[in-house]
N, C-alpha and C. Protein backbone atom coordinates (compact mmCIF):
# COMPACT_ATOMS: atom_id res chain seq x y z
N UNK A 1 6.24 -2.25 -77.07
CA UNK A 1 5.56 -3.24 -77.90
C UNK A 1 4.20 -2.67 -78.33
N UNK A 2 3.91 -2.73 -79.63
CA UNK A 2 2.65 -2.20 -80.14
C UNK A 2 1.48 -3.12 -79.85
N UNK A 3 0.27 -2.61 -80.12
CA UNK A 3 -0.94 -3.37 -79.84
C UNK A 3 -0.96 -4.68 -80.64
N UNK A 4 -0.56 -4.62 -81.91
CA UNK A 4 -0.58 -5.83 -82.73
C UNK A 4 0.38 -6.88 -82.18
N UNK A 5 1.59 -6.45 -81.84
CA UNK A 5 2.57 -7.39 -81.31
C UNK A 5 2.14 -7.96 -79.96
N UNK A 6 1.55 -7.09 -79.13
CA UNK A 6 1.09 -7.55 -77.82
C UNK A 6 -0.08 -8.52 -77.96
N UNK A 7 -0.96 -8.26 -78.91
CA UNK A 7 -2.08 -9.18 -79.17
C UNK A 7 -1.56 -10.55 -79.58
N UNK A 8 -0.58 -10.57 -80.47
CA UNK A 8 0.00 -11.85 -80.91
C UNK A 8 0.67 -12.57 -79.75
N UNK A 9 1.29 -11.82 -78.84
CA UNK A 9 1.91 -12.45 -77.67
C UNK A 9 0.86 -13.12 -76.79
N UNK A 10 -0.27 -12.42 -76.57
CA UNK A 10 -1.34 -13.00 -75.79
C UNK A 10 -1.90 -14.26 -76.48
N UNK A 11 -1.83 -14.29 -77.79
CA UNK A 11 -2.32 -15.46 -78.54
C UNK A 11 -1.31 -16.59 -78.60
N UNK A 12 -0.12 -16.37 -78.02
CA UNK A 12 0.87 -17.44 -77.95
C UNK A 12 1.87 -17.47 -79.09
N UNK A 13 2.02 -16.36 -79.80
CA UNK A 13 2.92 -16.34 -80.96
C UNK A 13 4.30 -15.77 -80.62
N UNK A 14 4.77 -15.99 -79.40
CA UNK A 14 6.11 -15.54 -79.06
C UNK A 14 7.14 -16.28 -79.92
N UNK A 15 7.93 -15.51 -80.66
CA UNK A 15 9.03 -16.12 -81.40
C UNK A 15 8.65 -16.85 -82.67
N UNK A 16 7.41 -16.77 -83.09
CA UNK A 16 7.03 -17.41 -84.35
C UNK A 16 6.04 -16.54 -85.10
N UNK A 17 6.07 -16.67 -86.42
CA UNK A 17 5.27 -15.83 -87.28
C UNK A 17 3.88 -16.43 -87.50
N UNK A 18 2.82 -15.66 -87.26
CA UNK A 18 1.47 -16.17 -87.51
C UNK A 18 1.20 -16.26 -89.01
N UNK A 19 0.22 -17.06 -89.37
CA UNK A 19 -0.14 -17.15 -90.78
C UNK A 19 -0.97 -15.94 -91.19
N UNK A 20 -1.20 -15.83 -92.49
CA UNK A 20 -1.91 -14.66 -93.02
C UNK A 20 -3.31 -14.52 -92.47
N UNK A 21 -4.02 -15.63 -92.28
CA UNK A 21 -5.38 -15.58 -91.77
C UNK A 21 -5.42 -15.04 -90.34
N UNK A 22 -4.46 -15.47 -89.52
CA UNK A 22 -4.40 -14.97 -88.16
C UNK A 22 -4.11 -13.48 -88.14
N UNK A 23 -3.19 -13.03 -88.98
CA UNK A 23 -2.88 -11.61 -89.03
C UNK A 23 -4.10 -10.79 -89.46
N UNK A 24 -4.87 -11.34 -90.38
CA UNK A 24 -6.08 -10.66 -90.81
C UNK A 24 -7.08 -10.53 -89.68
N UNK A 25 -7.24 -11.62 -88.91
CA UNK A 25 -8.14 -11.58 -87.76
C UNK A 25 -7.68 -10.56 -86.73
N UNK A 26 -6.37 -10.52 -86.47
CA UNK A 26 -5.82 -9.58 -85.49
C UNK A 26 -6.06 -8.14 -85.94
N UNK A 27 -5.77 -7.85 -87.19
CA UNK A 27 -5.94 -6.49 -87.69
C UNK A 27 -7.41 -6.07 -87.68
N UNK A 28 -8.30 -7.00 -88.05
CA UNK A 28 -9.74 -6.70 -88.02
C UNK A 28 -10.21 -6.45 -86.58
N UNK A 29 -9.74 -7.29 -85.66
CA UNK A 29 -10.16 -7.15 -84.26
C UNK A 29 -9.71 -5.82 -83.68
N UNK A 30 -8.47 -5.43 -83.95
CA UNK A 30 -7.95 -4.16 -83.44
C UNK A 30 -8.74 -2.99 -84.03
N UNK A 31 -9.03 -3.07 -85.32
CA UNK A 31 -9.79 -2.00 -85.97
C UNK A 31 -11.18 -1.88 -85.34
N UNK A 32 -11.86 -3.01 -85.14
CA UNK A 32 -13.21 -2.97 -84.56
C UNK A 32 -13.17 -2.43 -83.13
N UNK A 33 -12.17 -2.83 -82.38
CA UNK A 33 -12.07 -2.35 -81.00
C UNK A 33 -11.77 -0.85 -80.95
N UNK A 34 -10.89 -0.39 -81.81
CA UNK A 34 -10.55 1.02 -81.81
C UNK A 34 -11.75 1.88 -82.20
N UNK A 35 -12.62 1.35 -83.08
CA UNK A 35 -13.84 2.07 -83.44
C UNK A 35 -14.78 2.21 -82.25
N UNK A 36 -14.72 1.24 -81.32
CA UNK A 36 -15.62 1.23 -80.16
C UNK A 36 -14.92 1.66 -78.87
N UNK A 37 -13.68 2.05 -78.99
CA UNK A 37 -12.87 2.39 -77.82
C UNK A 37 -13.46 3.59 -77.09
N UNK A 38 -13.68 3.44 -75.78
CA UNK A 38 -14.23 4.53 -74.96
C UNK A 38 -13.44 4.60 -73.65
N UNK A 39 -12.17 4.98 -73.73
CA UNK A 39 -11.32 4.95 -72.54
C UNK A 39 -11.70 5.99 -71.50
N UNK A 40 -11.67 5.56 -70.25
CA UNK A 40 -11.90 6.45 -69.11
C UNK A 40 -10.96 6.05 -68.00
N UNK A 41 -10.58 7.01 -67.19
CA UNK A 41 -9.66 6.69 -66.09
C UNK A 41 -9.82 7.67 -64.95
N UNK A 42 -9.32 7.26 -63.81
CA UNK A 42 -9.23 8.14 -62.65
C UNK A 42 -8.03 7.69 -61.84
N UNK A 43 -7.28 8.66 -61.33
CA UNK A 43 -6.23 8.29 -60.37
C UNK A 43 -6.08 9.40 -59.35
N UNK A 44 -5.75 8.98 -58.13
CA UNK A 44 -5.63 9.91 -57.01
C UNK A 44 -4.39 9.53 -56.20
N UNK A 45 -3.77 10.54 -55.64
CA UNK A 45 -2.54 10.33 -54.88
C UNK A 45 -2.82 10.44 -53.38
N UNK A 46 -2.15 9.57 -52.60
CA UNK A 46 -2.36 9.53 -51.16
C UNK A 46 -1.01 9.36 -50.43
N UNK A 47 -1.03 9.66 -49.14
CA UNK A 47 0.11 9.32 -48.28
C UNK A 47 0.24 7.80 -48.22
N UNK A 48 1.46 7.32 -48.08
CA UNK A 48 1.70 5.88 -48.11
C UNK A 48 2.72 5.49 -47.05
N UNK A 49 2.46 4.38 -46.39
CA UNK A 49 3.42 3.76 -45.47
C UNK A 49 3.42 2.26 -45.74
N UNK A 50 4.60 1.67 -45.75
CA UNK A 50 4.71 0.22 -45.98
C UNK A 50 5.79 -0.35 -45.08
N UNK A 51 5.42 -1.36 -44.29
CA UNK A 51 6.38 -2.02 -43.40
C UNK A 51 5.91 -3.44 -43.15
N UNK A 52 6.84 -4.38 -43.22
CA UNK A 52 6.48 -5.78 -42.98
C UNK A 52 5.50 -6.27 -44.01
N UNK A 53 4.29 -6.59 -43.55
CA UNK A 53 3.24 -7.00 -44.47
C UNK A 53 2.05 -6.04 -44.42
N UNK A 54 2.27 -4.85 -43.86
CA UNK A 54 1.19 -3.87 -43.73
C UNK A 54 1.44 -2.66 -44.62
N UNK A 55 0.42 -2.29 -45.38
CA UNK A 55 0.48 -1.11 -46.23
C UNK A 55 -0.68 -0.19 -45.86
N UNK A 56 -0.38 1.09 -45.71
CA UNK A 56 -1.43 2.09 -45.48
C UNK A 56 -1.35 3.12 -46.60
N UNK A 57 -2.45 3.26 -47.31
CA UNK A 57 -2.55 4.24 -48.39
C UNK A 57 -3.78 5.09 -48.11
N UNK A 58 -3.56 6.35 -47.74
CA UNK A 58 -4.70 7.15 -47.30
C UNK A 58 -5.35 6.46 -46.11
N UNK A 59 -6.66 6.25 -46.18
CA UNK A 59 -7.37 5.56 -45.11
C UNK A 59 -7.45 4.06 -45.29
N UNK A 60 -6.79 3.53 -46.30
CA UNK A 60 -6.85 2.10 -46.60
C UNK A 60 -5.69 1.37 -45.95
N UNK A 61 -5.98 0.26 -45.28
CA UNK A 61 -4.93 -0.61 -44.75
C UNK A 61 -5.03 -1.98 -45.41
N UNK A 62 -3.91 -2.45 -45.94
CA UNK A 62 -3.85 -3.72 -46.67
C UNK A 62 -2.78 -4.60 -46.06
N UNK A 63 -3.09 -5.89 -45.91
CA UNK A 63 -2.10 -6.87 -45.48
C UNK A 63 -1.58 -7.60 -46.72
N UNK A 64 -0.37 -7.28 -47.13
CA UNK A 64 0.24 -7.92 -48.30
C UNK A 64 1.74 -7.72 -48.24
N UNK A 65 2.47 -8.80 -48.04
CA UNK A 65 3.93 -8.70 -47.99
C UNK A 65 4.49 -8.27 -49.35
N UNK A 66 3.89 -8.78 -50.43
CA UNK A 66 4.39 -8.44 -51.77
C UNK A 66 4.18 -6.97 -52.09
N UNK A 67 2.99 -6.44 -51.77
CA UNK A 67 2.73 -5.03 -52.01
C UNK A 67 3.62 -4.17 -51.13
N UNK A 68 3.79 -4.55 -49.87
CA UNK A 68 4.64 -3.79 -48.95
C UNK A 68 6.08 -3.74 -49.46
N UNK A 69 6.57 -4.85 -49.99
CA UNK A 69 7.92 -4.87 -50.54
C UNK A 69 8.03 -3.93 -51.73
N UNK A 70 7.01 -3.92 -52.58
CA UNK A 70 7.01 -3.06 -53.76
C UNK A 70 7.00 -1.58 -53.37
N UNK A 71 6.32 -1.26 -52.26
CA UNK A 71 6.15 0.13 -51.85
C UNK A 71 7.13 0.57 -50.77
N UNK A 72 8.10 -0.29 -50.42
CA UNK A 72 9.05 0.05 -49.37
C UNK A 72 9.76 1.37 -49.70
N UNK A 73 9.73 2.31 -48.76
CA UNK A 73 10.40 3.59 -48.97
C UNK A 73 9.56 4.63 -49.68
N UNK A 74 8.32 4.30 -50.04
CA UNK A 74 7.44 5.25 -50.73
C UNK A 74 6.64 6.06 -49.71
N UNK A 75 6.72 7.37 -49.81
CA UNK A 75 5.93 8.22 -48.94
C UNK A 75 4.58 8.60 -49.54
N UNK A 76 4.43 8.36 -50.85
CA UNK A 76 3.18 8.64 -51.56
C UNK A 76 2.89 7.46 -52.47
N UNK A 77 1.59 7.31 -52.79
CA UNK A 77 1.19 6.27 -53.74
C UNK A 77 -0.02 6.75 -54.52
N UNK A 78 -0.09 6.33 -55.76
CA UNK A 78 -1.22 6.65 -56.63
C UNK A 78 -2.10 5.41 -56.77
N UNK A 79 -3.41 5.59 -56.56
CA UNK A 79 -4.38 4.55 -56.89
C UNK A 79 -4.98 4.91 -58.25
N UNK A 80 -5.05 3.92 -59.12
CA UNK A 80 -5.46 4.15 -60.50
C UNK A 80 -6.51 3.15 -60.92
N UNK A 81 -7.48 3.61 -61.71
CA UNK A 81 -8.46 2.71 -62.33
C UNK A 81 -8.69 3.19 -63.75
N UNK A 82 -8.82 2.24 -64.68
CA UNK A 82 -8.99 2.61 -66.09
C UNK A 82 -9.78 1.53 -66.80
N UNK A 83 -10.43 1.94 -67.89
CA UNK A 83 -11.20 1.00 -68.71
C UNK A 83 -11.20 1.48 -70.16
N UNK A 84 -11.40 0.55 -71.10
CA UNK A 84 -11.61 0.95 -72.50
C UNK A 84 -13.08 0.80 -72.87
N UNK A 85 -13.93 0.56 -71.87
CA UNK A 85 -15.38 0.53 -72.11
C UNK A 85 -15.92 -0.84 -72.46
N UNK A 86 -17.19 -0.88 -72.86
CA UNK A 86 -17.92 -2.13 -73.06
C UNK A 86 -17.74 -2.72 -74.45
N UNK A 87 -17.06 -2.02 -75.34
CA UNK A 87 -16.95 -2.47 -76.72
C UNK A 87 -16.37 -3.86 -76.86
N UNK A 88 -15.30 -4.15 -76.13
CA UNK A 88 -14.67 -5.46 -76.22
C UNK A 88 -15.61 -6.56 -75.75
N UNK A 89 -16.31 -6.33 -74.64
CA UNK A 89 -17.23 -7.34 -74.13
C UNK A 89 -18.35 -7.62 -75.11
N UNK A 90 -18.87 -6.58 -75.75
CA UNK A 90 -19.95 -6.77 -76.72
C UNK A 90 -19.47 -7.54 -77.94
N UNK A 91 -18.26 -7.24 -78.40
CA UNK A 91 -17.72 -7.97 -79.55
C UNK A 91 -17.42 -9.43 -79.20
N UNK A 92 -16.88 -9.66 -78.03
CA UNK A 92 -16.59 -11.04 -77.61
C UNK A 92 -17.88 -11.85 -77.54
N UNK A 93 -18.93 -11.25 -76.97
CA UNK A 93 -20.22 -11.93 -76.90
C UNK A 93 -20.76 -12.23 -78.30
N UNK A 94 -20.63 -11.27 -79.20
CA UNK A 94 -21.11 -11.44 -80.57
C UNK A 94 -20.38 -12.58 -81.28
N UNK A 95 -19.05 -12.57 -81.20
CA UNK A 95 -18.28 -13.57 -81.94
C UNK A 95 -18.24 -14.93 -81.24
N UNK A 96 -18.56 -14.97 -79.96
CA UNK A 96 -18.65 -16.26 -79.26
C UNK A 96 -19.76 -17.12 -79.83
N UNK A 97 -20.74 -16.48 -80.46
CA UNK A 97 -21.85 -17.19 -81.08
C UNK A 97 -21.52 -17.59 -82.51
N UNK A 98 -20.84 -16.70 -83.24
CA UNK A 98 -20.68 -16.91 -84.68
C UNK A 98 -19.27 -17.26 -85.12
N UNK A 99 -18.23 -16.93 -84.32
CA UNK A 99 -16.85 -17.12 -84.77
C UNK A 99 -15.94 -17.19 -83.55
N UNK A 100 -15.71 -18.40 -83.04
CA UNK A 100 -14.94 -18.55 -81.80
C UNK A 100 -13.50 -18.09 -81.96
N UNK A 101 -12.92 -18.31 -83.14
CA UNK A 101 -11.55 -17.86 -83.36
C UNK A 101 -11.47 -16.34 -83.26
N UNK A 102 -12.42 -15.65 -83.84
CA UNK A 102 -12.44 -14.18 -83.78
C UNK A 102 -12.67 -13.71 -82.35
N UNK A 103 -13.51 -14.42 -81.60
CA UNK A 103 -13.75 -14.06 -80.21
C UNK A 103 -12.45 -14.12 -79.40
N UNK A 104 -11.64 -15.15 -79.64
CA UNK A 104 -10.37 -15.29 -78.93
C UNK A 104 -9.41 -14.17 -79.29
N UNK A 105 -9.41 -13.78 -80.55
CA UNK A 105 -8.53 -12.69 -81.00
C UNK A 105 -8.98 -11.36 -80.40
N UNK A 106 -10.29 -11.11 -80.37
CA UNK A 106 -10.80 -9.88 -79.76
C UNK A 106 -10.44 -9.84 -78.27
N UNK A 107 -10.54 -10.97 -77.60
CA UNK A 107 -10.16 -11.05 -76.19
C UNK A 107 -8.71 -10.60 -76.00
N UNK A 108 -7.82 -11.12 -76.84
CA UNK A 108 -6.41 -10.78 -76.74
C UNK A 108 -6.16 -9.32 -77.10
N UNK A 109 -6.81 -8.85 -78.17
CA UNK A 109 -6.61 -7.46 -78.59
C UNK A 109 -7.14 -6.48 -77.55
N UNK A 110 -8.25 -6.83 -76.89
CA UNK A 110 -8.77 -5.98 -75.83
C UNK A 110 -7.80 -5.87 -74.67
N UNK A 111 -7.18 -7.00 -74.31
CA UNK A 111 -6.18 -6.99 -73.24
C UNK A 111 -5.00 -6.11 -73.61
N UNK A 112 -4.58 -6.18 -74.88
CA UNK A 112 -3.47 -5.36 -75.34
C UNK A 112 -3.82 -3.88 -75.32
N UNK A 113 -5.04 -3.54 -75.70
CA UNK A 113 -5.45 -2.13 -75.73
C UNK A 113 -5.54 -1.51 -74.35
N UNK A 114 -6.08 -2.25 -73.37
CA UNK A 114 -6.17 -1.68 -72.03
C UNK A 114 -4.78 -1.53 -71.43
N UNK A 115 -3.87 -2.46 -71.72
CA UNK A 115 -2.51 -2.34 -71.22
C UNK A 115 -1.82 -1.11 -71.82
N UNK A 116 -2.03 -0.89 -73.13
CA UNK A 116 -1.43 0.28 -73.77
C UNK A 116 -1.98 1.57 -73.14
N UNK A 117 -3.27 1.59 -72.87
CA UNK A 117 -3.90 2.77 -72.27
C UNK A 117 -3.34 3.04 -70.88
N UNK A 118 -3.22 2.00 -70.07
CA UNK A 118 -2.71 2.18 -68.71
C UNK A 118 -1.23 2.56 -68.73
N UNK A 119 -0.48 2.02 -69.68
CA UNK A 119 0.93 2.43 -69.82
C UNK A 119 1.01 3.94 -70.06
N UNK A 120 0.12 4.48 -70.88
CA UNK A 120 0.10 5.92 -71.13
C UNK A 120 -0.23 6.72 -69.87
N UNK A 121 -1.18 6.22 -69.09
CA UNK A 121 -1.52 6.89 -67.82
C UNK A 121 -0.33 6.86 -66.87
N UNK A 122 0.36 5.73 -66.83
CA UNK A 122 1.53 5.61 -65.97
C UNK A 122 2.61 6.61 -66.39
N UNK A 123 2.77 6.80 -67.68
CA UNK A 123 3.75 7.78 -68.17
C UNK A 123 3.38 9.19 -67.71
N UNK A 124 2.09 9.50 -67.68
CA UNK A 124 1.65 10.82 -67.21
C UNK A 124 1.95 10.99 -65.72
N UNK A 125 1.72 9.93 -64.94
CA UNK A 125 2.05 9.97 -63.51
C UNK A 125 3.56 10.14 -63.34
N UNK A 126 4.34 9.44 -64.15
CA UNK A 126 5.80 9.52 -64.06
C UNK A 126 6.30 10.94 -64.34
N UNK A 127 5.73 11.57 -65.36
CA UNK A 127 6.15 12.93 -65.70
C UNK A 127 5.88 13.89 -64.55
N UNK A 128 4.70 13.77 -63.94
CA UNK A 128 4.36 14.61 -62.80
C UNK A 128 5.28 14.34 -61.62
N UNK A 129 5.59 13.06 -61.39
CA UNK A 129 6.45 12.69 -60.27
C UNK A 129 7.87 13.22 -60.45
N UNK A 130 8.39 13.14 -61.66
CA UNK A 130 9.75 13.62 -61.91
C UNK A 130 9.89 15.10 -61.59
N UNK A 131 8.84 15.86 -61.85
CA UNK A 131 8.87 17.30 -61.57
C UNK A 131 9.01 17.57 -60.08
N UNK A 132 8.68 16.59 -59.27
CA UNK A 132 8.79 16.74 -57.81
C UNK A 132 9.96 15.95 -57.25
N UNK A 133 10.83 15.45 -58.13
CA UNK A 133 11.99 14.70 -57.67
C UNK A 133 11.65 13.29 -57.21
N UNK A 134 10.56 12.73 -57.72
CA UNK A 134 10.13 11.40 -57.33
C UNK A 134 10.22 10.44 -58.52
N UNK A 135 10.35 9.17 -58.23
CA UNK A 135 10.32 8.16 -59.28
C UNK A 135 9.28 7.10 -58.93
N UNK A 136 8.89 6.34 -59.92
CA UNK A 136 7.80 5.37 -59.77
C UNK A 136 8.32 3.97 -59.48
N UNK A 137 7.60 3.29 -58.60
CA UNK A 137 7.76 1.85 -58.47
C UNK A 137 6.83 1.17 -59.47
N UNK A 138 7.09 -0.07 -59.85
CA UNK A 138 6.22 -0.76 -60.80
C UNK A 138 4.78 -0.81 -60.29
N UNK A 139 3.82 -0.61 -61.19
CA UNK A 139 2.42 -0.66 -60.76
C UNK A 139 2.07 -2.08 -60.34
N UNK A 140 1.19 -2.15 -59.35
CA UNK A 140 0.88 -3.42 -58.70
C UNK A 140 -0.64 -3.51 -58.54
N UNK A 141 -1.25 -4.57 -59.03
CA UNK A 141 -2.71 -4.68 -59.06
C UNK A 141 -3.21 -5.76 -58.11
N UNK A 142 -4.42 -5.61 -57.58
CA UNK A 142 -5.03 -6.70 -56.81
C UNK A 142 -5.03 -7.99 -57.61
N UNK A 143 -4.62 -9.07 -56.96
CA UNK A 143 -4.48 -10.35 -57.65
C UNK A 143 -3.03 -10.71 -57.91
N UNK A 144 -2.12 -9.71 -57.86
CA UNK A 144 -0.69 -10.00 -57.99
C UNK A 144 -0.19 -10.54 -56.65
N UNK A 145 0.56 -11.63 -56.67
CA UNK A 145 1.14 -12.17 -55.45
C UNK A 145 0.09 -12.35 -54.38
N UNK A 146 0.37 -11.85 -53.17
CA UNK A 146 -0.58 -12.00 -52.06
C UNK A 146 -1.43 -10.73 -51.85
N UNK A 147 -1.46 -9.85 -52.86
CA UNK A 147 -2.33 -8.67 -52.81
C UNK A 147 -3.73 -9.13 -53.22
N UNK A 148 -4.57 -9.36 -52.21
CA UNK A 148 -5.85 -10.06 -52.41
C UNK A 148 -6.78 -9.34 -53.38
N UNK A 149 -7.45 -10.13 -54.22
CA UNK A 149 -8.42 -9.58 -55.16
C UNK A 149 -9.56 -8.87 -54.43
N UNK A 150 -9.85 -9.30 -53.19
CA UNK A 150 -10.91 -8.68 -52.41
C UNK A 150 -10.65 -7.20 -52.13
N UNK A 151 -9.39 -6.78 -52.25
CA UNK A 151 -9.05 -5.37 -52.02
C UNK A 151 -9.61 -4.46 -53.12
N UNK A 152 -10.09 -5.07 -54.21
CA UNK A 152 -10.74 -4.27 -55.25
C UNK A 152 -11.85 -3.40 -54.65
N UNK A 153 -12.60 -3.95 -53.70
CA UNK A 153 -13.72 -3.21 -53.13
C UNK A 153 -13.26 -1.90 -52.52
N UNK A 154 -12.14 -1.94 -51.81
CA UNK A 154 -11.64 -0.73 -51.16
C UNK A 154 -11.13 0.27 -52.19
N UNK A 155 -10.41 -0.21 -53.21
CA UNK A 155 -9.93 0.69 -54.25
C UNK A 155 -11.09 1.34 -54.99
N UNK A 156 -12.13 0.54 -55.28
CA UNK A 156 -13.31 1.07 -55.97
C UNK A 156 -13.99 2.15 -55.14
N UNK A 157 -14.07 1.93 -53.83
CA UNK A 157 -14.72 2.91 -52.97
C UNK A 157 -13.92 4.21 -52.92
N UNK A 158 -12.60 4.11 -52.81
CA UNK A 158 -11.77 5.30 -52.71
C UNK A 158 -11.76 6.10 -54.01
N UNK A 159 -11.82 5.41 -55.15
CA UNK A 159 -11.78 6.08 -56.44
C UNK A 159 -13.16 6.38 -57.01
N UNK A 160 -14.20 5.87 -56.36
CA UNK A 160 -15.58 6.04 -56.85
C UNK A 160 -15.69 5.59 -58.31
N UNK A 161 -15.22 4.37 -58.57
CA UNK A 161 -15.11 3.88 -59.95
C UNK A 161 -16.45 3.83 -60.67
N UNK A 162 -17.50 3.39 -59.99
CA UNK A 162 -18.80 3.33 -60.64
C UNK A 162 -19.27 4.69 -61.08
N UNK A 163 -19.13 5.67 -60.22
CA UNK A 163 -19.59 7.02 -60.51
C UNK A 163 -18.69 7.73 -61.51
N UNK A 164 -17.38 7.55 -61.38
CA UNK A 164 -16.43 8.33 -62.17
C UNK A 164 -16.16 7.76 -63.55
N UNK A 165 -16.04 6.43 -63.66
CA UNK A 165 -15.68 5.85 -64.96
C UNK A 165 -16.59 4.70 -65.39
N UNK A 166 -17.65 4.44 -64.62
CA UNK A 166 -18.63 3.44 -65.03
C UNK A 166 -18.17 2.01 -64.93
N UNK A 167 -17.22 1.73 -64.05
CA UNK A 167 -16.74 0.35 -63.85
C UNK A 167 -17.31 -0.17 -62.54
N UNK A 168 -17.85 -1.39 -62.57
CA UNK A 168 -18.43 -2.00 -61.39
C UNK A 168 -17.75 -3.33 -61.10
N UNK A 169 -18.06 -3.89 -59.93
CA UNK A 169 -17.50 -5.18 -59.52
C UNK A 169 -18.59 -6.24 -59.45
N UNK A 170 -18.24 -7.45 -59.86
CA UNK A 170 -19.13 -8.58 -59.67
C UNK A 170 -18.97 -9.08 -58.23
N UNK A 171 -19.80 -10.05 -57.84
CA UNK A 171 -19.68 -10.62 -56.49
C UNK A 171 -18.32 -11.28 -56.28
N UNK A 172 -17.70 -11.71 -57.37
CA UNK A 172 -16.38 -12.33 -57.27
C UNK A 172 -15.23 -11.35 -57.42
N UNK A 173 -15.55 -10.04 -57.35
CA UNK A 173 -14.56 -8.96 -57.42
C UNK A 173 -13.88 -8.85 -58.79
N UNK A 174 -14.59 -9.28 -59.84
CA UNK A 174 -14.11 -9.08 -61.20
C UNK A 174 -14.73 -7.80 -61.74
N UNK A 175 -14.00 -7.12 -62.60
CA UNK A 175 -14.45 -5.82 -63.09
C UNK A 175 -15.30 -5.94 -64.34
N UNK A 176 -16.30 -5.10 -64.41
CA UNK A 176 -17.15 -4.97 -65.59
C UNK A 176 -17.23 -3.49 -65.97
N UNK A 177 -16.86 -3.13 -67.21
CA UNK A 177 -16.39 -3.95 -68.32
C UNK A 177 -15.12 -4.73 -67.94
N UNK A 178 -14.94 -5.86 -68.63
CA UNK A 178 -13.83 -6.74 -68.27
C UNK A 178 -12.47 -6.16 -68.63
N UNK A 179 -12.41 -5.33 -69.68
CA UNK A 179 -11.14 -4.74 -70.08
C UNK A 179 -10.91 -3.46 -69.27
N UNK A 180 -10.69 -3.68 -67.97
CA UNK A 180 -10.47 -2.60 -67.01
C UNK A 180 -9.32 -3.01 -66.10
N UNK A 181 -8.69 -2.03 -65.50
CA UNK A 181 -7.51 -2.28 -64.65
C UNK A 181 -7.57 -1.38 -63.43
N UNK A 182 -7.19 -1.91 -62.28
CA UNK A 182 -6.89 -1.08 -61.12
C UNK A 182 -5.44 -1.35 -60.73
N UNK A 183 -4.79 -0.37 -60.12
CA UNK A 183 -3.39 -0.56 -59.76
C UNK A 183 -2.97 0.44 -58.70
N UNK A 184 -1.90 0.07 -58.00
CA UNK A 184 -1.22 0.95 -57.05
C UNK A 184 0.16 1.25 -57.61
N UNK A 185 0.52 2.53 -57.62
CA UNK A 185 1.84 2.94 -58.09
C UNK A 185 2.53 3.72 -56.97
N UNK A 186 3.64 3.21 -56.48
CA UNK A 186 4.38 3.89 -55.42
C UNK A 186 5.24 5.01 -55.96
N UNK A 187 5.37 6.09 -55.17
CA UNK A 187 6.23 7.23 -55.52
C UNK A 187 7.30 7.35 -54.43
N UNK A 188 8.55 7.36 -54.85
CA UNK A 188 9.65 7.38 -53.89
C UNK A 188 10.68 8.41 -54.27
N UNK A 189 11.36 8.96 -53.27
CA UNK A 189 12.49 9.85 -53.51
C UNK A 189 13.71 8.96 -53.75
N UNK A 190 14.21 8.98 -54.97
CA UNK A 190 15.34 8.13 -55.32
C UNK A 190 16.03 8.69 -56.54
N UNK A 191 17.31 8.44 -56.63
CA UNK A 191 18.05 8.88 -57.81
C UNK A 191 17.84 7.93 -58.98
N UNK A 192 17.36 6.72 -58.68
CA UNK A 192 17.17 5.73 -59.75
C UNK A 192 15.84 5.97 -60.43
N UNK A 193 15.85 6.15 -61.74
CA UNK A 193 14.62 6.31 -62.52
C UNK A 193 14.69 5.32 -63.68
N UNK A 194 14.18 4.09 -63.46
CA UNK A 194 14.37 3.04 -64.45
C UNK A 194 13.44 3.13 -65.66
N UNK A 195 12.44 4.02 -65.62
CA UNK A 195 11.43 3.99 -66.68
C UNK A 195 10.43 2.89 -66.41
N UNK A 196 9.49 2.72 -67.31
CA UNK A 196 8.44 1.73 -67.11
C UNK A 196 8.99 0.32 -67.26
N UNK A 197 8.74 -0.53 -66.26
CA UNK A 197 9.17 -1.92 -66.32
C UNK A 197 8.12 -2.77 -67.02
N UNK A 198 8.57 -3.88 -67.55
CA UNK A 198 7.64 -4.87 -68.08
C UNK A 198 6.68 -5.29 -66.99
N UNK A 199 5.40 -5.44 -67.34
CA UNK A 199 4.43 -5.88 -66.33
C UNK A 199 4.78 -7.26 -65.80
N UNK A 200 5.47 -8.07 -66.60
CA UNK A 200 5.84 -9.41 -66.15
C UNK A 200 6.91 -9.37 -65.07
N UNK A 201 7.69 -8.28 -65.04
CA UNK A 201 8.70 -8.14 -64.00
C UNK A 201 8.08 -7.95 -62.63
N UNK A 202 6.81 -7.59 -62.57
CA UNK A 202 6.12 -7.35 -61.31
C UNK A 202 5.45 -8.59 -60.76
N UNK A 203 5.46 -9.67 -61.54
CA UNK A 203 4.70 -10.87 -61.18
C UNK A 203 5.64 -12.03 -60.91
N UNK A 204 5.36 -12.79 -59.85
CA UNK A 204 6.22 -13.90 -59.49
C UNK A 204 5.91 -15.19 -60.19
N UNK A 205 4.91 -15.21 -61.07
CA UNK A 205 4.53 -16.45 -61.74
C UNK A 205 5.41 -16.70 -62.95
N UNK A 206 6.55 -17.34 -62.73
CA UNK A 206 7.52 -17.57 -63.81
C UNK A 206 7.03 -18.57 -64.83
N UNK A 207 6.00 -19.34 -64.49
CA UNK A 207 5.49 -20.36 -65.40
C UNK A 207 4.34 -19.88 -66.28
N UNK A 208 3.98 -18.60 -66.19
CA UNK A 208 2.85 -18.08 -66.96
C UNK A 208 3.12 -18.19 -68.45
N UNK A 209 2.12 -18.68 -69.18
CA UNK A 209 2.27 -18.86 -70.63
C UNK A 209 2.39 -17.53 -71.36
N UNK A 210 1.93 -16.43 -70.73
CA UNK A 210 1.95 -15.13 -71.37
C UNK A 210 3.11 -14.27 -70.93
N UNK A 211 4.05 -14.84 -70.17
CA UNK A 211 5.17 -14.06 -69.63
C UNK A 211 6.04 -13.53 -70.76
N UNK A 212 6.36 -12.23 -70.69
CA UNK A 212 7.20 -11.62 -71.71
C UNK A 212 8.59 -12.22 -71.68
N UNK A 213 9.16 -12.40 -72.87
CA UNK A 213 10.51 -12.94 -72.97
C UNK A 213 10.55 -14.44 -73.03
N UNK A 214 9.35 -15.11 -73.01
CA UNK A 214 9.32 -16.56 -73.07
C UNK A 214 9.03 -17.01 -74.48
């Protein structure tokens, strides 16, 4: 799914055609964001163990049944952090004062752009893994299921996110710039190589308004 289509999905246009004015706003928002796009990322690979509700990745220990299930059978895992920079936040702040509709569209387009960027990083990890006879489990981020958002602190420390890519955490463990992502990707020895799964397939919230296929 392209950035334009993903933006429209975030705006709630699943299965229906937006009007011309909305399409104009979407195209303008994507253009402005791409002009300000400053993507940065870091990912590192660690030993991994997962059993019951306990996950160990390098020196990190996490209690999460959902994450452990996702990583079952993985001997290695990649920790990843990525951002498209402050451009989206600055535009959202600007249009929140002068054009609320445009601010909402920029919000959606920013979410679509960071997802596209992380999908590309995941593809790079997949290519490297295949060369070693490994396949990827779906990426899993703090806040999914019972993988606590508080674990962001540990991921940030291990990846040195502030130093390496300029992403920081608020007191509530939200990332700044806001269009940033952290994730865990399991690597397993398996004959099954499904390719990249929909991000919605990784989430148990079947009632989400933004769920793909709804």
